[in-house]
Amino acid sequence: MDEFMQAAIQEAQQGRQEGGIPIGSVLVKDGQMIGKGHNKRVQDGDPVTHAEIDCLRNAGRIGSYRGTTLYSTLMPCYLCAGAVVQFGIKKVIAGESRTFPGAKEFMVSHGVEVIDLNLDECEQMMNDFITNNPELWNEDIGK
């Protein structure tokens, strides 16, 4: 596993330790991590502070997202996929999509290369969370 996905996993673990949802994200440009974040919807009481949104906020204004890659421990949802498309991020690497399929087809239809690593570690992290927190999980995905 590369260092960037490992950093995203560490972000997810930090979010869980804070009482939140274990999803982490990292933004990479020219081989350098320029932003990282985790889902803070619970911690901040903000329904749109998903991991990818937190990551983009932490990266700040970078001018152009050309050449960036967004890593996420979970396939991005439509909210986060919309940000990917809006900012012109052309590559997304997801840790897994078995617990939540996300918006892969949406991103692909807008010219984004999406790689799903199907990592057991990411899937187990989400399965454990969903099993122990079904109401919180369903609230986050709108069920």
N, C-alpha and C. Protein backbone atom coordinates (compact mmCIF):
# COMPACT_ATOMS: atom_id res chain seq x y z
N MET A 1 0.85 -1.18 0.00
CA MET A 1 0.00 0.00 0.00
C MET A 1 0.90 1.24 0.00
N ASP A 2 0.52 2.22 -0.83
CA ASP A 2 1.39 3.39 -0.91
C ASP A 2 1.18 4.33 0.29
N GLU A 3 2.11 5.23 0.46
CA GLU A 3 2.12 6.12 1.62
C GLU A 3 0.89 7.04 1.67
N PHE A 4 0.33 7.36 0.52
CA PHE A 4 -0.80 8.29 0.51
C PHE A 4 -2.09 7.61 0.99
N MET A 5 -2.30 6.36 0.58
CA MET A 5 -3.47 5.65 1.10
C MET A 5 -3.27 5.37 2.58
N GLN A 6 -2.06 5.08 2.98
CA GLN A 6 -1.80 4.86 4.40
C GLN A 6 -2.11 6.14 5.19
N ALA A 7 -1.78 7.30 4.65
CA ALA A 7 -2.09 8.57 5.32
C ALA A 7 -3.60 8.78 5.40
N ALA A 8 -4.33 8.39 4.35
CA ALA A 8 -5.79 8.50 4.37
C ALA A 8 -6.37 7.58 5.44
N ILE A 9 -5.83 6.39 5.57
CA ILE A 9 -6.29 5.46 6.61
C ILE A 9 -6.02 6.04 7.99
N GLN A 10 -4.87 6.65 8.17
CA GLN A 10 -4.56 7.29 9.46
C GLN A 10 -5.55 8.41 9.77
N GLU A 11 -5.94 9.16 8.74
CA GLU A 11 -6.95 10.20 8.93
C GLU A 11 -8.28 9.58 9.36
N ALA A 12 -8.66 8.48 8.71
CA ALA A 12 -9.90 7.79 9.07
C ALA A 12 -9.86 7.32 10.52
N GLN A 13 -8.75 6.75 10.92
CA GLN A 13 -8.60 6.28 12.30
C GLN A 13 -8.67 7.44 13.28
N GLN A 14 -8.10 8.57 12.93
CA GLN A 14 -8.17 9.75 13.79
C GLN A 14 -9.62 10.20 13.95
N GLY A 15 -10.36 10.22 12.84
CA GLY A 15 -11.76 10.59 12.89
C GLY A 15 -12.55 9.68 13.82
N ARG A 16 -12.28 8.40 13.75
CA ARG A 16 -12.98 7.44 14.61
C ARG A 16 -12.63 7.68 16.07
N GLN A 17 -11.36 7.96 16.34
CA GLN A 17 -10.92 8.23 17.72
C GLN A 17 -11.59 9.48 18.28
N GLU A 18 -11.96 10.40 17.40
CA GLU A 18 -12.64 11.63 17.82
C GLU A 18 -14.14 11.42 17.98
N GLY A 19 -14.63 10.20 17.73
CA GLY A 19 -16.05 9.91 17.84
C GLY A 19 -16.81 10.07 16.55
N GLY A 20 -16.08 10.21 15.45
CA GLY A 20 -16.71 10.42 14.15
C GLY A 20 -16.70 9.18 13.28
N ILE A 21 -16.98 9.41 12.01
CA ILE A 21 -17.07 8.34 11.02
C ILE A 21 -15.69 8.10 10.42
N PRO A 22 -15.23 6.86 10.37
CA PRO A 22 -13.85 6.57 9.94
C PRO A 22 -13.65 6.60 8.43
N ILE A 23 -13.61 7.79 7.89
CA ILE A 23 -13.31 7.98 6.47
C ILE A 23 -12.24 9.05 6.39
N GLY A 24 -11.18 8.78 5.66
CA GLY A 24 -10.08 9.73 5.53
C GLY A 24 -9.75 9.99 4.08
N SER A 25 -9.11 11.14 3.84
CA SER A 25 -8.79 11.55 2.47
C SER A 25 -7.48 12.34 2.44
N VAL A 26 -6.79 12.24 1.31
CA VAL A 26 -5.53 12.94 1.09
C VAL A 26 -5.51 13.46 -0.34
N LEU A 27 -5.01 14.69 -0.52
CA LEU A 27 -4.84 15.26 -1.86
C LEU A 27 -3.36 15.33 -2.16
N VAL A 28 -2.97 14.82 -3.33
CA VAL A 28 -1.56 14.75 -3.73
C VAL A 28 -1.36 15.50 -5.03
N LYS A 29 -0.29 16.27 -5.08
CA LYS A 29 0.10 16.98 -6.30
C LYS A 29 1.61 16.87 -6.45
N ASP A 30 2.05 16.47 -7.64
CA ASP A 30 3.48 16.33 -7.92
C ASP A 30 4.19 15.47 -6.87
N GLY A 31 3.53 14.40 -6.46
CA GLY A 31 4.14 13.48 -5.51
C GLY A 31 4.19 13.96 -4.08
N GLN A 32 3.55 15.08 -3.79
CA GLN A 32 3.55 15.64 -2.44
C GLN A 32 2.13 15.73 -1.89
N MET A 33 1.97 15.38 -0.63
CA MET A 33 0.67 15.52 0.02
C MET A 33 0.46 17.01 0.32
N ILE A 34 -0.61 17.57 -0.25
CA ILE A 34 -0.86 19.00 -0.04
C ILE A 34 -2.10 19.26 0.82
N GLY A 35 -2.82 18.21 1.16
CA GLY A 35 -3.98 18.34 2.03
C GLY A 35 -4.39 16.98 2.54
N LYS A 36 -4.96 16.98 3.72
CA LYS A 36 -5.49 15.74 4.29
C LYS A 36 -6.66 16.11 5.19
N GLY A 37 -7.56 15.16 5.38
CA GLY A 37 -8.71 15.42 6.22
C GLY A 37 -9.48 14.16 6.50
N HIS A 38 -10.45 14.30 7.39
CA HIS A 38 -11.31 13.17 7.71
C HIS A 38 -12.73 13.66 7.95
N ASN A 39 -13.66 12.72 7.89
CA ASN A 39 -15.05 13.05 8.07
C ASN A 39 -15.23 13.65 9.47
N LYS A 40 -15.77 14.87 9.53
CA LYS A 40 -15.98 15.57 10.80
C LYS A 40 -17.44 15.97 10.98
N ARG A 41 -18.32 15.28 10.29
CA ARG A 41 -19.73 15.59 10.38
C ARG A 41 -20.22 15.55 11.82
N VAL A 42 -19.82 14.54 12.56
CA VAL A 42 -20.25 14.40 13.95
C VAL A 42 -19.54 15.44 14.82
N GLN A 43 -18.23 15.52 14.69
CA GLN A 43 -17.43 16.39 15.54
C GLN A 43 -17.84 17.86 15.39
N ASP A 44 -18.08 18.29 14.15
CA ASP A 44 -18.39 19.70 13.88
C ASP A 44 -19.88 19.98 13.80
N GLY A 45 -20.71 18.93 13.84
CA GLY A 45 -22.14 19.12 13.67
C GLY A 45 -22.47 19.72 12.31
N ASP A 46 -21.65 19.37 11.31
CA ASP A 46 -21.78 19.94 9.96
C ASP A 46 -22.01 18.80 8.98
N PRO A 47 -23.18 18.74 8.36
CA PRO A 47 -23.49 17.61 7.50
C PRO A 47 -22.65 17.51 6.23
N VAL A 48 -21.93 18.54 5.86
CA VAL A 48 -21.14 18.47 4.63
C VAL A 48 -19.64 18.34 4.87
N THR A 49 -19.22 18.18 6.10
CA THR A 49 -17.79 18.01 6.35
C THR A 49 -17.43 16.53 6.21
N HIS A 50 -17.52 16.07 4.97
CA HIS A 50 -17.06 14.72 4.64
C HIS A 50 -15.54 14.76 4.53
N ALA A 51 -14.92 13.60 4.51
CA ALA A 51 -13.46 13.53 4.50
C ALA A 51 -12.85 14.28 3.33
N GLU A 52 -13.42 14.09 2.14
CA GLU A 52 -12.85 14.73 0.95
C GLU A 52 -13.02 16.25 1.01
N ILE A 53 -14.14 16.71 1.53
CA ILE A 53 -14.37 18.15 1.66
C ILE A 53 -13.40 18.74 2.68
N ASP A 54 -13.21 18.05 3.82
CA ASP A 54 -12.25 18.50 4.83
C ASP A 54 -10.84 18.55 4.24
N CYS A 55 -10.49 17.55 3.46
CA CYS A 55 -9.18 17.50 2.81
C CYS A 55 -8.99 18.69 1.87
N LEU A 56 -9.99 18.96 1.04
CA LEU A 56 -9.89 20.09 0.10
C LEU A 56 -9.80 21.41 0.85
N ARG A 57 -10.56 21.56 1.92
CA ARG A 57 -10.48 22.79 2.73
C ARG A 57 -9.08 22.95 3.31
N ASN A 58 -8.52 21.85 3.80
CA ASN A 58 -7.20 21.91 4.41
C ASN A 58 -6.09 22.17 3.39
N ALA A 59 -6.32 21.76 2.15
CA ALA A 59 -5.34 22.05 1.08
C ALA A 59 -5.36 23.54 0.76
N GLY A 60 -6.51 24.16 0.95
CA GLY A 60 -6.62 25.59 0.67
C GLY A 60 -6.70 25.88 -0.82
N ARG A 61 -6.62 27.14 -1.15
CA ARG A 61 -6.67 27.54 -2.56
C ARG A 61 -5.33 27.22 -3.21
N ILE A 62 -5.36 26.32 -4.16
CA ILE A 62 -4.10 25.92 -4.81
C ILE A 62 -4.03 26.40 -6.25
N GLY A 63 -5.03 27.14 -6.67
CA GLY A 63 -5.03 27.69 -8.03
C GLY A 63 -5.55 26.73 -9.06
N SER A 64 -4.83 25.65 -9.26
CA SER A 64 -5.24 24.65 -10.24
C SER A 64 -5.10 23.26 -9.64
N TYR A 65 -6.10 22.44 -9.92
CA TYR A 65 -6.07 21.07 -9.44
C TYR A 65 -5.54 20.12 -10.51
N ARG A 66 -5.04 20.68 -11.61
CA ARG A 66 -4.46 19.87 -12.67
C ARG A 66 -3.32 19.04 -12.09
N GLY A 67 -3.34 17.77 -12.37
CA GLY A 67 -2.27 16.88 -11.91
C GLY A 67 -2.45 16.38 -10.49
N THR A 68 -3.58 16.67 -9.85
CA THR A 68 -3.78 16.18 -8.49
C THR A 68 -4.47 14.82 -8.49
N THR A 69 -4.26 14.11 -7.42
CA THR A 69 -4.93 12.84 -7.18
C THR A 69 -5.55 12.90 -5.80
N LEU A 70 -6.82 12.51 -5.71
CA LEU A 70 -7.51 12.47 -4.43
C LEU A 70 -7.61 11.03 -3.97
N TYR A 71 -7.11 10.76 -2.79
CA TYR A 71 -7.21 9.44 -2.17
C TYR A 71 -8.32 9.50 -1.13
N SER A 72 -9.11 8.46 -1.05
CA SER A 72 -10.14 8.36 -0.03
C SER A 72 -10.27 6.91 0.41
N THR A 73 -10.48 6.70 1.68
CA THR A 73 -10.60 5.33 2.17
C THR A 73 -11.90 4.67 1.70
N LEU A 74 -12.88 5.49 1.30
CA LEU A 74 -14.17 4.98 0.82
C LEU A 74 -14.50 5.68 -0.50
N MET A 75 -15.15 4.96 -1.41
CA MET A 75 -15.53 5.57 -2.68
C MET A 75 -16.33 6.84 -2.39
N PRO A 76 -15.93 7.97 -2.97
CA PRO A 76 -16.63 9.23 -2.70
C PRO A 76 -18.12 9.19 -3.05
N CYS A 77 -18.91 9.85 -2.21
CA CYS A 77 -20.35 9.99 -2.43
C CYS A 77 -20.58 11.06 -3.50
N TYR A 78 -21.83 11.32 -3.82
CA TYR A 78 -22.13 12.33 -4.85
C TYR A 78 -21.70 13.74 -4.44
N LEU A 79 -21.81 14.07 -3.16
CA LEU A 79 -21.36 15.39 -2.70
C LEU A 79 -19.87 15.56 -3.01
N CYS A 80 -19.09 14.60 -2.61
CA CYS A 80 -17.64 14.69 -2.78
C CYS A 80 -17.24 14.49 -4.24
N ALA A 81 -17.94 13.62 -4.95
CA ALA A 81 -17.69 13.45 -6.38
C ALA A 81 -17.97 14.74 -7.13
N GLY A 82 -19.00 15.48 -6.70
CA GLY A 82 -19.29 16.77 -7.30
C GLY A 82 -18.14 17.74 -7.12
N ALA A 83 -17.51 17.73 -5.95
CA ALA A 83 -16.34 18.59 -5.72
C ALA A 83 -15.18 18.16 -6.62
N VAL A 84 -15.00 16.86 -6.77
CA VAL A 84 -13.94 16.35 -7.65
C VAL A 84 -14.14 16.88 -9.07
N VAL A 85 -15.35 16.75 -9.57
CA VAL A 85 -15.66 17.20 -10.94
C VAL A 85 -15.55 18.72 -11.03
N GLN A 86 -16.11 19.44 -10.06
CA GLN A 86 -16.08 20.90 -10.07
C GLN A 86 -14.66 21.45 -10.14
N PHE A 87 -13.76 20.86 -9.37
CA PHE A 87 -12.39 21.36 -9.31
C PHE A 87 -11.47 20.76 -10.37
N GLY A 88 -11.97 19.84 -11.16
CA GLY A 88 -11.17 19.28 -12.24
C GLY A 88 -10.13 18.28 -11.79
N ILE A 89 -10.36 17.63 -10.66
CA ILE A 89 -9.46 16.57 -10.21
C ILE A 89 -9.69 15.37 -11.14
N LYS A 90 -8.65 14.88 -11.75
CA LYS A 90 -8.82 13.86 -12.78
C LYS A 90 -8.50 12.44 -12.34
N LYS A 91 -8.10 12.27 -11.07
CA LYS A 91 -7.81 10.91 -10.61
C LYS A 91 -8.22 10.76 -9.15
N VAL A 92 -8.98 9.70 -8.88
CA VAL A 92 -9.41 9.37 -7.52
C VAL A 92 -9.02 7.93 -7.25
N ILE A 93 -8.41 7.72 -6.10
CA ILE A 93 -8.06 6.36 -5.67
C ILE A 93 -8.82 6.08 -4.38
N ALA A 94 -9.70 5.09 -4.44
CA ALA A 94 -10.54 4.74 -3.30
C ALA A 94 -10.04 3.47 -2.64
N GLY A 95 -10.11 3.46 -1.33
CA GLY A 95 -9.70 2.27 -0.58
C GLY A 95 -10.65 1.11 -0.78
N GLU A 96 -11.94 1.41 -0.88
CA GLU A 96 -12.93 0.35 -1.11
C GLU A 96 -14.27 0.95 -1.48
N SER A 97 -15.12 0.09 -2.07
CA SER A 97 -16.48 0.50 -2.42
C SER A 97 -17.49 -0.60 -2.11
N ARG A 98 -17.07 -1.60 -1.39
CA ARG A 98 -17.99 -2.71 -1.09
C ARG A 98 -19.01 -2.34 -0.02
N THR A 99 -18.61 -1.52 0.96
CA THR A 99 -19.57 -1.13 1.99
C THR A 99 -20.47 0.01 1.52
N PHE A 100 -20.00 0.76 0.53
CA PHE A 100 -20.76 1.89 -0.02
C PHE A 100 -20.26 2.12 -1.45
N PRO A 101 -21.12 1.97 -2.45
CA PRO A 101 -20.65 2.07 -3.84
C PRO A 101 -20.27 3.48 -4.27
N GLY A 102 -20.80 4.50 -3.61
CA GLY A 102 -20.44 5.87 -3.95
C GLY A 102 -20.88 6.28 -5.34
N ALA A 103 -20.15 7.24 -5.89
CA ALA A 103 -20.53 7.86 -7.17
C ALA A 103 -19.46 7.64 -8.24
N LYS A 104 -18.95 6.43 -8.30
CA LYS A 104 -17.90 6.12 -9.27
C LYS A 104 -18.33 6.42 -10.70
N GLU A 105 -19.50 5.95 -11.09
CA GLU A 105 -19.95 6.14 -12.47
C GLU A 105 -20.09 7.63 -12.81
N PHE A 106 -20.56 8.42 -11.86
CA PHE A 106 -20.68 9.86 -12.06
C PHE A 106 -19.31 10.46 -12.37
N MET A 107 -18.32 10.12 -11.56
CA MET A 107 -16.97 10.67 -11.78
C MET A 107 -16.42 10.21 -13.12
N VAL A 108 -16.54 8.92 -13.41
CA VAL A 108 -16.03 8.38 -14.67
C VAL A 108 -16.70 9.08 -15.86
N SER A 109 -18.01 9.31 -15.75
CA SER A 109 -18.74 9.97 -16.85
C SER A 109 -18.28 11.41 -17.07
N HIS A 110 -17.56 11.96 -16.10
CA HIS A 110 -17.01 13.32 -16.22
C HIS A 110 -15.50 13.31 -16.43
N GLY A 111 -14.98 12.19 -16.90
CA GLY A 111 -13.57 12.11 -17.28
C GLY A 111 -12.59 11.87 -16.16
N VAL A 112 -13.07 11.44 -15.01
CA VAL A 112 -12.19 11.16 -13.88
C VAL A 112 -11.77 9.69 -13.92
N GLU A 113 -10.49 9.43 -13.78
CA GLU A 113 -10.00 8.07 -13.64
C GLU A 113 -10.23 7.65 -12.19
N VAL A 114 -10.96 6.57 -11.98
CA VAL A 114 -11.26 6.10 -10.63
C VAL A 114 -10.68 4.71 -10.46
N ILE A 115 -9.85 4.57 -9.44
CA ILE A 115 -9.23 3.29 -9.13
C ILE A 115 -9.75 2.84 -7.77
N ASP A 116 -10.34 1.66 -7.73
CA ASP A 116 -10.87 1.08 -6.49
C ASP A 116 -9.90 -0.01 -6.06
N LEU A 117 -9.21 0.20 -4.94
CA LEU A 117 -8.22 -0.75 -4.47
C LEU A 117 -8.82 -1.96 -3.75
N ASN A 118 -10.09 -1.86 -3.35
CA ASN A 118 -10.75 -2.95 -2.62
C ASN A 118 -9.88 -3.48 -1.48
N LEU A 119 -9.42 -2.56 -0.64
CA LEU A 119 -8.55 -2.94 0.47
C LEU A 119 -9.36 -3.51 1.62
N ASP A 120 -8.95 -4.69 2.08
CA ASP A 120 -9.64 -5.33 3.20
C ASP A 120 -9.62 -4.45 4.44
N GLU A 121 -8.51 -3.76 4.68
CA GLU A 121 -8.39 -2.91 5.86
C GLU A 121 -9.45 -1.80 5.86
N CYS A 122 -9.66 -1.18 4.73
CA CYS A 122 -10.66 -0.12 4.64
C CYS A 122 -12.07 -0.69 4.79
N GLU A 123 -12.32 -1.83 4.16
CA GLU A 123 -13.64 -2.45 4.26
C GLU A 123 -13.94 -2.87 5.70
N GLN A 124 -12.97 -3.46 6.37
CA GLN A 124 -13.18 -3.90 7.75
C GLN A 124 -13.44 -2.71 8.67
N MET A 125 -12.72 -1.63 8.46
CA MET A 125 -12.90 -0.43 9.27
C MET A 125 -14.34 0.08 9.13
N MET A 126 -14.85 0.12 7.89
CA MET A 126 -16.22 0.59 7.67
C MET A 126 -17.26 -0.43 8.17
N ASN A 127 -17.03 -1.71 7.93
CA ASN A 127 -17.97 -2.72 8.41
C ASN A 127 -18.11 -2.68 9.93
N ASP A 128 -16.98 -2.54 10.63
CA ASP A 128 -17.02 -2.45 12.09
C ASP A 128 -17.83 -1.22 12.51
N PHE A 129 -17.59 -0.10 11.85
CA PHE A 129 -18.31 1.13 12.20
C PHE A 129 -19.80 0.98 11.92
N ILE A 130 -20.16 0.49 10.75
CA ILE A 130 -21.57 0.36 10.37
C ILE A 130 -22.29 -0.60 11.31
N THR A 131 -21.65 -1.71 11.68
CA THR A 131 -22.26 -2.67 12.60
C THR A 131 -22.52 -2.04 13.96
N ASN A 132 -21.58 -1.25 14.44
CA ASN A 132 -21.70 -0.66 15.77
C ASN A 132 -22.45 0.66 15.80
N ASN A 133 -22.66 1.30 14.64
CA ASN A 133 -23.29 2.61 14.58
C ASN A 133 -24.25 2.73 13.41
N PRO A 134 -25.20 1.82 13.27
CA PRO A 134 -26.06 1.83 12.07
C PRO A 134 -26.87 3.12 11.93
N GLU A 135 -27.36 3.68 13.02
CA GLU A 135 -28.16 4.89 12.91
C GLU A 135 -27.32 6.07 12.43
N LEU A 136 -26.12 6.19 12.97
CA LEU A 136 -25.22 7.27 12.55
C LEU A 136 -24.81 7.09 11.10
N TRP A 137 -24.51 5.87 10.69
CA TRP A 137 -24.14 5.61 9.30
C TRP A 137 -25.29 5.96 8.36
N ASN A 138 -26.48 5.49 8.69
CA ASN A 138 -27.63 5.75 7.82
C ASN A 138 -27.96 7.24 7.74
N GLU A 139 -27.72 7.96 8.82
CA GLU A 139 -27.92 9.41 8.79
C GLU A 139 -26.93 10.05 7.81
N ASP A 140 -25.71 9.60 7.80
CA ASP A 140 -24.68 10.19 6.95
C ASP A 140 -24.95 9.94 5.48
N ILE A 141 -25.49 8.76 5.16
CA ILE A 141 -25.73 8.48 3.74
C ILE A 141 -27.16 8.76 3.33
N GLY A 142 -27.94 9.36 4.23
CA GLY A 142 -29.25 9.83 3.87
C GLY A 142 -30.36 8.81 3.84
N LYS A 143 -30.22 7.72 4.59
CA LYS A 143 -31.29 6.70 4.64
C LYS A 143 -32.18 6.92 5.84
